[in-house]
Amino acid sequence: MQSPLIYRYPPLQLGVLVKRYKRFLADIELASGELITAHCPNTGPMTGVCLPGNLVHVSRSSNPNRKLAYTWEMIQVCDREPTWVGINTALPNQAVKLALEQHLFPELGHYSQIRPEVVYGANKKSRIDFLLTEENTEHCSYVEVKNTTWAQGNLALFPDTVTTRGQKHLQELMTLPSTAQGVMLYFINRGDCSQFAPGDSADPLYGQILRQAIEQGLQVLPCRFEVSPTGIRYLGLAELKL
């Protein structure tokens, strides 16, 4: 029996990716034959998933003030079997918040309050994605969410490029007080990966810091999500390969 959807997409339109350019733009030919320019919410290299000629789905905004009415939501890849991969990087945090509200991650233990975007770090200049707290206890969990779409076979990888920001987040999670648990939650934005590893070939320093952080107590949750034109479904944890 399939788990229920934790996020439902608005009505989507099918098309084919023509090209992506200037990081934020993608030309897409809709099934109707109309050629549109859609907003590309993923500004990274999109290694292995930015494939002209592949099927995509886009959403259309009803906001008349938007410069681009369409948003590129997902693309279908066929590495082993057809798989939809999420493109909209605004959605992982939304989906994780919904999953946290439903307590879908038992590894996080008990918590009664979910606070997003909480300032933390030595200089109080960073924001953690979610702070989980429990009444009548000092223990709390700092949860950082990282989205990944890069895969080699059934192995999901993060990052797919050098990320000094990601390195900084790991270092800050290692400086939390003893009453706090640091958690790195990797949002695997495709349902065809059963394993997860740091993307050492793209950013070896990130992998080095991640392994150091794990030795010092960082909790890593490589979370698998199935993406479909209907919505997003949580599949459980991938196997961590270090």
C-alpha atoms as a PDB file:
ATOM      1  CA  MET A   1       0.000   0.000   0.000  1.00  0.00           C
ATOM      2  CA  GLN A   2       1.393   3.367  -1.027  1.00  0.00           C
ATOM      3  CA  SER A   3       1.894   6.085   1.546  1.00  0.00           C
ATOM      4  CA  PRO A   4      -0.315   9.167   1.075  1.00  0.00           C
ATOM      5  CA  LEU A   5       0.877  12.260  -0.741  1.00  0.00           C
ATOM      6  CA  ILE A   6       2.352  14.893   1.530  1.00  0.00           C
ATOM      7  CA  TYR A   7       2.153  17.601  -1.155  1.00  0.00           C
ATOM      8  CA  ARG A   8      -0.222  17.996  -4.105  1.00  0.00           C
ATOM      9  CA  TYR A   9       0.722  19.934  -7.224  1.00  0.00           C
ATOM     10  CA  PRO A  10      -1.683  22.404  -8.798  1.00  0.00           C
ATOM     11  CA  PRO A  11      -2.899  21.449 -12.294  1.00  0.00           C
ATOM     12  CA  LEU A  12       0.166  20.945 -14.502  1.00  0.00           C
ATOM     13  CA  GLN A  13       0.742  21.104 -18.241  1.00  0.00           C
ATOM     14  CA  LEU A  14       2.891  18.634 -20.154  1.00  0.00           C
ATOM     15  CA  GLY A  15       5.638  19.754 -22.488  1.00  0.00           C
ATOM     16  CA  VAL A  16       9.140  19.082 -23.796  1.00  0.00           C
ATOM     17  CA  LEU A  17      12.275  20.915 -22.687  1.00  0.00           C
ATOM     18  CA  VAL A  18      13.838  22.853 -25.572  1.00  0.00           C
ATOM     19  CA  LYS A  19      16.661  24.547 -23.664  1.00  0.00           C
ATOM     20  CA  ARG A  20      17.590  26.089 -20.348  1.00  0.00           C
ATOM     21  CA  TYR A  21      19.616  29.310 -20.290  1.00  0.00           C
ATOM     22  CA  LYS A  22      20.634  32.242 -18.074  1.00  0.00           C
ATOM     23  CA  ARG A  23      20.080  29.908 -15.088  1.00  0.00           C
ATOM     24  CA  PHE A  24      16.518  31.111 -14.489  1.00  0.00           C
ATOM     25  CA  LEU A  25      14.937  30.545 -17.920  1.00  0.00           C
ATOM     26  CA  ALA A  26      13.742  27.481 -19.812  1.00  0.00           C
ATOM     27  CA  ASP A  27      12.122  27.315 -23.240  1.00  0.00           C
ATOM     28  CA  ILE A  28       9.472  24.594 -23.306  1.00  0.00           C
ATOM     29  CA  GLU A  29       7.164  23.367 -26.056  1.00  0.00           C
ATOM     30  CA  LEU A  30       3.784  22.513 -24.589  1.00  0.00           C
ATOM     31  CA  ALA A  31       1.740  19.543 -25.778  1.00  0.00           C
ATOM     32  CA  SER A  32      -0.466  22.059 -27.611  1.00  0.00           C
ATOM     33  CA  GLY A  33       2.534  23.113 -29.724  1.00  0.00           C
ATOM     34  CA  GLU A  34       2.866  26.497 -28.015  1.00  0.00           C
ATOM     35  CA  LEU A  35       6.445  27.549 -27.202  1.00  0.00           C
ATOM     36  CA  ILE A  36       6.738  29.204 -23.786  1.00  0.00           C
ATOM     37  CA  THR A  37       9.508  30.563 -21.579  1.00  0.00           C
ATOM     38  CA  ALA A  38       9.168  29.271 -18.014  1.00  0.00           C
ATOM     39  CA  HIS A  39      10.888  30.252 -14.794  1.00  0.00           C
ATOM     40  CA  CYS A  40      13.536  27.684 -13.783  1.00  0.00           C
ATOM     41  CA  PRO A  41      13.581  27.623  -9.946  1.00  0.00           C
ATOM     42  CA  ASN A  42      16.770  25.536  -9.789  1.00  0.00           C
ATOM     43  CA  THR A  43      19.788  27.788 -10.319  1.00  0.00           C
ATOM     44  CA  GLY A  44      22.398  25.026  -9.944  1.00  0.00           C
ATOM     45  CA  PRO A  45      24.040  22.962 -12.698  1.00  0.00           C
ATOM     46  CA  MET A  46      21.236  20.346 -12.564  1.00  0.00           C
ATOM     47  CA  THR A  47      23.751  17.638 -13.419  1.00  0.00           C
ATOM     48  CA  GLY A  48      22.180  14.738 -15.290  1.00  0.00           C
ATOM     49  CA  VAL A  49      18.639  16.141 -15.300  1.00  0.00           C
ATOM     50  CA  CYS A  50      18.762  19.201 -17.569  1.00  0.00           C
ATOM     51  CA  LEU A  51      18.096  17.175 -20.716  1.00  0.00           C
ATOM     52  CA  PRO A  52      16.635  18.935 -23.794  1.00  0.00           C
ATOM     53  CA  GLY A  53      14.045  16.766 -25.511  1.00  0.00           C
ATOM     54  CA  ASN A  54      12.777  15.199 -22.280  1.00  0.00           C
ATOM     55  CA  LEU A  55       9.230  15.485 -21.006  1.00  0.00           C
ATOM     56  CA  VAL A  56       8.526  18.171 -18.415  1.00  0.00           C
ATOM     57  CA  HIS A  57       5.576  19.520 -16.450  1.00  0.00           C
ATOM     58  CA  VAL A  58       4.965  23.201 -15.780  1.00  0.00           C
ATOM     59  CA  SER A  59       2.513  25.069 -13.585  1.00  0.00           C
ATOM     60  CA  ARG A  60       0.811  28.319 -14.576  1.00  0.00           C
ATOM     61  CA  SER A  61       0.385  31.183 -12.127  1.00  0.00           C
ATOM     62  CA  SER A  62      -2.832  33.178 -11.963  1.00  0.00           C
ATOM     63  CA  ASN A  63      -0.892  36.269 -10.833  1.00  0.00           C
ATOM     64  CA  PRO A  64      -1.148  38.792 -13.710  1.00  0.00           C
ATOM     65  CA  ASN A  65       1.872  40.703 -12.378  1.00  0.00           C
ATOM     66  CA  ARG A  66       4.316  37.839 -12.807  1.00  0.00           C
ATOM     67  CA  LYS A  67       6.857  38.371 -15.551  1.00  0.00           C
ATOM     68  CA  LEU A  68       6.801  34.651 -16.408  1.00  0.00           C
ATOM     69  CA  ALA A  69       3.446  32.925 -15.988  1.00  0.00           C
ATOM     70  CA  TYR A  70       4.881  29.403 -16.070  1.00  0.00           C
ATOM     71  CA  THR A  71       7.136  27.590 -13.592  1.00  0.00           C
ATOM     72  CA  TRP A  72       9.108  24.485 -14.524  1.00  0.00           C
ATOM     73  CA  GLU A  73       8.142  21.878 -11.915  1.00  0.00           C
ATOM     74  CA  MET A  74       9.662  18.536 -12.982  1.00  0.00           C
ATOM     75  CA  ILE A  75      11.416  16.615 -15.744  1.00  0.00           C
ATOM     76  CA  GLN A  76      11.327  12.950 -16.686  1.00  0.00           C
ATOM     77  CA  VAL A  77      14.639  11.085 -16.882  1.00  0.00           C
ATOM     78  CA  CYS A  78      15.132   7.549 -18.153  1.00  0.00           C
ATOM     79  CA  ASP A  79      18.386   6.364 -16.569  1.00  0.00           C
ATOM     80  CA  ARG A  80      16.947   2.905 -15.853  1.00  0.00           C
ATOM     81  CA  GLU A  81      13.216   3.487 -16.004  1.00  0.00           C
ATOM     82  CA  PRO A  82      11.153   6.656 -16.531  1.00  0.00           C
ATOM     83  CA  THR A  83      11.365   8.751 -13.360  1.00  0.00           C
ATOM     84  CA  TRP A  84      10.066  12.228 -12.599  1.00  0.00           C
ATOM     85  CA  VAL A  85      12.617  14.524 -10.948  1.00  0.00           C
ATOM     86  CA  GLY A  86      11.548  17.644  -9.063  1.00  0.00           C
ATOM     87  CA  ILE A  87      12.956  20.929 -10.390  1.00  0.00           C
ATOM     88  CA  ASN A  88      11.207  23.489  -8.184  1.00  0.00           C
ATOM     89  CA  THR A  89      13.640  24.068  -5.302  1.00  0.00           C
ATOM     90  CA  ALA A  90      10.991  26.030  -3.378  1.00  0.00           C
ATOM     91  CA  LEU A  91       9.070  22.817  -2.704  1.00  0.00           C
ATOM     92  CA  PRO A  92      11.449  20.655  -0.606  1.00  0.00           C
ATOM     93  CA  ASN A  93      11.165  22.887   2.463  1.00  0.00           C
ATOM     94  CA  GLN A  94       7.380  23.041   2.052  1.00  0.00           C
ATOM     95  CA  ALA A  95       7.184  19.265   1.770  1.00  0.00           C
ATOM     96  CA  VAL A  96       9.509  18.721   4.743  1.00  0.00           C
ATOM     97  CA  LYS A  97       7.423  21.074   6.886  1.00  0.00           C
ATOM     98  CA  LEU A  98       4.294  19.087   6.014  1.00  0.00           C
ATOM     99  CA  ALA A  99       6.142  15.846   6.801  1.00  0.00           C
ATOM    100  CA  LEU A 100       7.354  17.258  10.134  1.00  0.00           C
ATOM    101  CA  GLU A 101       3.797  18.250  11.042  1.00  0.00           C
ATOM    102  CA  GLN A 102       2.767  14.651  10.403  1.00  0.00           C
ATOM    103  CA  HIS A 103       5.789  13.301  12.344  1.00  0.00           C
ATOM    104  CA  LEU A 104       6.861  11.177   9.351  1.00  0.00           C
ATOM    105  CA  PHE A 105      10.498  11.046  10.485  1.00  0.00           C
ATOM    106  CA  PRO A 106      10.597   8.887  13.651  1.00  0.00           C
ATOM    107  CA  GLU A 107      14.388   9.321  13.748  1.00  0.00           C
ATOM    108  CA  LEU A 108      13.813  12.880  14.979  1.00  0.00           C
ATOM    109  CA  GLY A 109      12.150  11.717  18.193  1.00  0.00           C
ATOM    110  CA  HIS A 110       9.540  13.736  20.051  1.00  0.00           C
ATOM    111  CA  TYR A 111       8.889  17.415  19.403  1.00  0.00           C
ATOM    112  CA  SER A 112       5.865  19.645  19.874  1.00  0.00           C
ATOM    113  CA  GLN A 113       6.927  22.833  18.121  1.00  0.00           C
ATOM    114  CA  ILE A 114       8.295  23.443  14.619  1.00  0.00           C
ATOM    115  CA  ARG A 115       9.926  26.826  14.071  1.00  0.00           C
ATOM    116  CA  PRO A 116      11.172  27.690  10.557  1.00  0.00           C
ATOM    117  CA  GLU A 117      14.035  30.038   9.674  1.00  0.00           C
ATOM    118  CA  VAL A 118      15.500  30.437  13.171  1.00  0.00           C
ATOM    119  CA  VAL A 119      18.676  32.512  13.527  1.00  0.00           C
ATOM    120  CA  TYR A 120      21.653  30.528  14.854  1.00  0.00           C
ATOM    121  CA  GLY A 121      25.422  30.137  14.509  1.00  0.00           C
ATOM    122  CA  ALA A 122      28.383  31.786  16.166  1.00  0.00           C
ATOM    123  CA  ASN A 123      27.644  35.192  14.624  1.00  0.00           C
ATOM    124  CA  LYS A 124      23.850  34.745  14.498  1.00  0.00           C
ATOM    125  CA  LYS A 125      23.995  35.396  10.761  1.00  0.00           C
ATOM    126  CA  SER A 126      22.662  32.030   9.582  1.00  0.00           C
ATOM    127  CA  ARG A 127      19.158  30.617   9.641  1.00  0.00           C
ATOM    128  CA  ILE A 128      18.354  26.978  10.267  1.00  0.00           C
ATOM    129  CA  ASP A 129      15.517  25.631   8.137  1.00  0.00           C
ATOM    130  CA  PHE A 130      13.650  24.117  11.102  1.00  0.00           C
ATOM    131  CA  LEU A 131      14.126  24.150  14.864  1.00  0.00           C
ATOM    132  CA  LEU A 132      12.257  21.354  16.634  1.00  0.00           C
ATOM    133  CA  THR A 133      11.574  21.741  20.358  1.00  0.00           C
ATOM    134  CA  GLU A 134       9.728  19.790  23.040  1.00  0.00           C
ATOM    135  CA  GLU A 135       7.942  21.260  26.032  1.00  0.00           C
ATOM    136  CA  ASN A 136       9.589  20.938  29.449  1.00  0.00           C
ATOM    137  CA  THR A 137      12.971  19.951  28.039  1.00  0.00           C
ATOM    138  CA  GLU A 138      16.062  21.787  26.840  1.00  0.00           C
ATOM    139  CA  HIS A 139      16.723  19.286  24.069  1.00  0.00           C
ATOM    140  CA  CYS A 140      16.090  20.526  20.526  1.00  0.00           C
ATOM    141  CA  SER A 141      16.948  19.592  16.959  1.00  0.00           C
ATOM    142  CA  TYR A 142      18.347  21.917  14.302  1.00  0.00           C
ATOM    143  CA  VAL A 143      17.269  20.569  10.908  1.00  0.00           C
ATOM    144  CA  GLU A 144      18.948  21.788   7.721  1.00  0.00           C
ATOM    145  CA  VAL A 145      17.362  20.706   4.404  1.00  0.00           C
ATOM    146  CA  LYS A 146      19.387  20.144   1.232  1.00  0.00           C
ATOM    147  CA  ASN A 147      17.739  19.296  -2.079  1.00  0.00           C
ATOM    148  CA  THR A 148      19.443  16.915  -4.490  1.00  0.00           C
ATOM    149  CA  THR A 149      18.553  15.661  -7.973  1.00  0.00           C
ATOM    150  CA  TRP A 150      21.971  14.319  -9.043  1.00  0.00           C
ATOM    151  CA  ALA A 151      22.197  10.534  -9.304  1.00  0.00           C
ATOM    152  CA  GLN A 152      24.558   7.863 -10.575  1.00  0.00           C
ATOM    153  CA  GLY A 153      22.492   4.726 -10.992  1.00  0.00           C
ATOM    154  CA  ASN A 154      20.534   4.247  -7.767  1.00  0.00           C
ATOM    155  CA  LEU A 155      22.975   6.460  -5.805  1.00  0.00           C
ATOM    156  CA  ALA A 156      21.846  10.007  -5.020  1.00  0.00           C
ATOM    157  CA  LEU A 157      24.632  12.538  -4.499  1.00  0.00           C
ATOM    158  CA  PHE A 158      24.996  15.980  -2.931  1.00  0.00           C
ATOM    159  CA  PRO A 159      26.328  18.449  -3.860  1.00  0.00           C
ATOM    160  CA  ASP A 160      26.704  18.564  -7.648  1.00  0.00           C
ATOM    161  CA  THR A 161      28.963  21.610  -7.508  1.00  0.00           C
ATOM    162  CA  VAL A 162      31.234  23.328  -4.988  1.00  0.00           C
ATOM    163  CA  THR A 163      29.073  24.801  -2.227  1.00  0.00           C
ATOM    164  CA  THR A 164      30.831  27.048   0.264  1.00  0.00           C
ATOM    165  CA  ARG A 165      27.411  27.794   1.764  1.00  0.00           C
ATOM    166  CA  GLY A 166      26.790  24.092   2.320  1.00  0.00           C
ATOM    167  CA  GLN A 167      30.234  23.698   3.900  1.00  0.00           C
ATOM    168  CA  LYS A 168      29.426  26.578   6.243  1.00  0.00           C
ATOM    169  CA  HIS A 169      26.140  24.994   7.293  1.00  0.00           C
ATOM    170  CA  LEU A 170      27.918  21.756   8.228  1.00  0.00           C
ATOM    171  CA  GLN A 171      30.535  23.636  10.239  1.00  0.00           C
ATOM    172  CA  GLU A 172      27.873  25.578  12.116  1.00  0.00           C
ATOM    173  CA  LEU A 173      25.946  22.404  12.938  1.00  0.00           C
ATOM    174  CA  MET A 174      29.115  21.128  14.616  1.00  0.00           C
ATOM    175  CA  THR A 175      29.161  24.104  17.014  1.00  0.00           C
ATOM    176  CA  LEU A 176      25.716  23.607  18.558  1.00  0.00           C
ATOM    177  CA  PRO A 177      25.377  23.391  22.363  1.00  0.00           C
ATOM    178  CA  SER A 178      25.298  19.965  24.014  1.00  0.00           C
ATOM    179  CA  THR A 179      21.506  20.147  24.441  1.00  0.00           C
ATOM    180  CA  ALA A 180      20.992  20.454  20.681  1.00  0.00           C
ATOM    181  CA  GLN A 181      21.088  17.833  17.931  1.00  0.00           C
ATOM    182  CA  GLY A 182      22.263  18.845  14.478  1.00  0.00           C
ATOM    183  CA  VAL A 183      20.392  17.172  11.618  1.00  0.00           C
ATOM    184  CA  MET A 184      21.189  17.272   7.912  1.00  0.00           C
ATOM    185  CA  LEU A 185      18.139  16.184   5.939  1.00  0.00           C
ATOM    186  CA  TYR A 186      18.850  15.462   2.287  1.00  0.00           C
ATOM    187  CA  PHE A 187      15.708  15.744   0.161  1.00  0.00           C
ATOM    188  CA  ILE A 188      16.251  13.215  -2.639  1.00  0.00           C
ATOM    189  CA  ASN A 189      13.929  14.748  -5.221  1.00  0.00           C
ATOM    190  CA  ARG A 190      13.362  11.575  -7.253  1.00  0.00           C
ATOM    191  CA  GLY A 191      12.056   8.126  -6.389  1.00  0.00           C
ATOM    192  CA  ASP A 192      14.629   5.912  -8.113  1.00  0.00           C
ATOM    193  CA  CYS A 193      17.517   6.188  -5.621  1.00  0.00           C
ATOM    194  CA  SER A 194      17.908   3.754  -2.741  1.00  0.00           C
ATOM    195  CA  GLN A 195      21.353   4.975  -1.615  1.00  0.00           C
ATOM    196  CA  PHE A 196      22.930   8.351  -0.819  1.00  0.00           C
ATOM    197  CA  ALA A 197      26.524   9.590  -0.658  1.00  0.00           C
ATOM    198  CA  PRO A 198      28.355  12.929  -0.580  1.00  0.00           C
ATOM    199  CA  GLY A 199      29.250  14.196  -4.054  1.00  0.00           C
ATOM    200  CA  ASP A 200      32.999  13.962  -3.542  1.00  0.00           C
ATOM    201  CA  SER A 201      33.845  14.391  -7.216  1.00  0.00           C
ATOM    202  CA  ALA A 202      32.019  17.739  -7.285  1.00  0.00           C
ATOM    203  CA  ASP A 203      33.086  19.082  -3.878  1.00  0.00           C
ATOM    204  CA  PRO A 204      35.611  16.901  -2.008  1.00  0.00           C
ATOM    205  CA  LEU A 205      35.851  19.399   0.874  1.00  0.00           C
ATOM    206  CA  TYR A 206      32.110  19.136   1.509  1.00  0.00           C
ATOM    207  CA  GLY A 207      32.411  15.360   1.770  1.00  0.00           C
ATOM    208  CA  GLN A 208      35.350  15.707   4.144  1.00  0.00           C
ATOM    209  CA  ILE A 209      33.454  18.103   6.425  1.00  0.00           C
ATOM    210  CA  LEU A 210      30.322  15.924   6.320  1.00  0.00           C
ATOM    211  CA  ARG A 211      32.238  12.848   7.485  1.00  0.00           C
ATOM    212  CA  GLN A 212      33.876  14.883  10.237  1.00  0.00           C
ATOM    213  CA  ALA A 213      30.488  16.207  11.336  1.00  0.00           C
ATOM    214  CA  ILE A 214      29.025  12.696  11.462  1.00  0.00           C
ATOM    215  CA  GLU A 215      31.921  11.583  13.696  1.00  0.00           C
ATOM    216  CA  GLN A 216      31.049  14.468  16.017  1.00  0.00           C
ATOM    217  CA  GLY A 217      27.389  13.457  16.236  1.00  0.00           C
ATOM    218  CA  LEU A 218      25.619  15.019  13.259  1.00  0.00           C
ATOM    219  CA  GLN A 219      22.492  13.058  12.357  1.00  0.00           C
ATOM    220  CA  VAL A 220      22.068  12.484   8.609  1.00  0.00           C
ATOM    221  CA  LEU A 221      18.681  11.665   7.122  1.00  0.00           C
ATOM    222  CA  PRO A 222      18.843  10.906   3.371  1.00  0.00           C
ATOM    223  CA  CYS A 223      15.110  11.049   2.654  1.00  0.00           C
ATOM    224  CA  ARG A 224      13.658   9.525  -0.507  1.00  0.00           C
ATOM    225  CA  PHE A 225      10.720  11.254  -2.180  1.00  0.00           C
ATOM    226  CA  GLU A 226       8.702  10.079  -5.155  1.00  0.00           C
ATOM    227  CA  VAL A 227       7.707  12.879  -7.519  1.00  0.00           C
ATOM    228  CA  SER A 228       4.733  12.553  -9.861  1.00  0.00           C
ATOM    229  CA  PRO A 229       2.484  15.017 -11.721  1.00  0.00           C
ATOM    230  CA  THR A 230       0.002  14.495  -8.875  1.00  0.00           C
ATOM    231  CA  GLY A 231       2.269  15.244  -5.950  1.00  0.00           C
ATOM    232  CA  ILE A 232       5.135  14.252  -3.666  1.00  0.00           C
ATOM    233  CA  ARG A 233       5.224  11.086  -1.565  1.00  0.00           C
ATOM    234  CA  TYR A 234       7.704  10.133   1.188  1.00  0.00           C
ATOM    235  CA  LEU A 235       9.332   6.742   0.598  1.00  0.00           C
ATOM    236  CA  GLY A 236      11.601   6.424   3.647  1.00  0.00           C
ATOM    237  CA  LEU A 237      15.354   6.662   4.132  1.00  0.00           C
ATOM    238  CA  ALA A 238      18.035   5.813   1.610  1.00  0.00           C
ATOM    239  CA  GLU A 239      21.097   3.845   2.697  1.00  0.00           C
ATOM    240  CA  LEU A 240      23.947   6.168   3.627  1.00  0.00           C
ATOM    241  CA  LYS A 241      27.187   5.295   1.834  1.00  0.00           C
ATOM    242  CA  LEU A 242      30.282   6.989   3.219  1.00  0.00           C
END
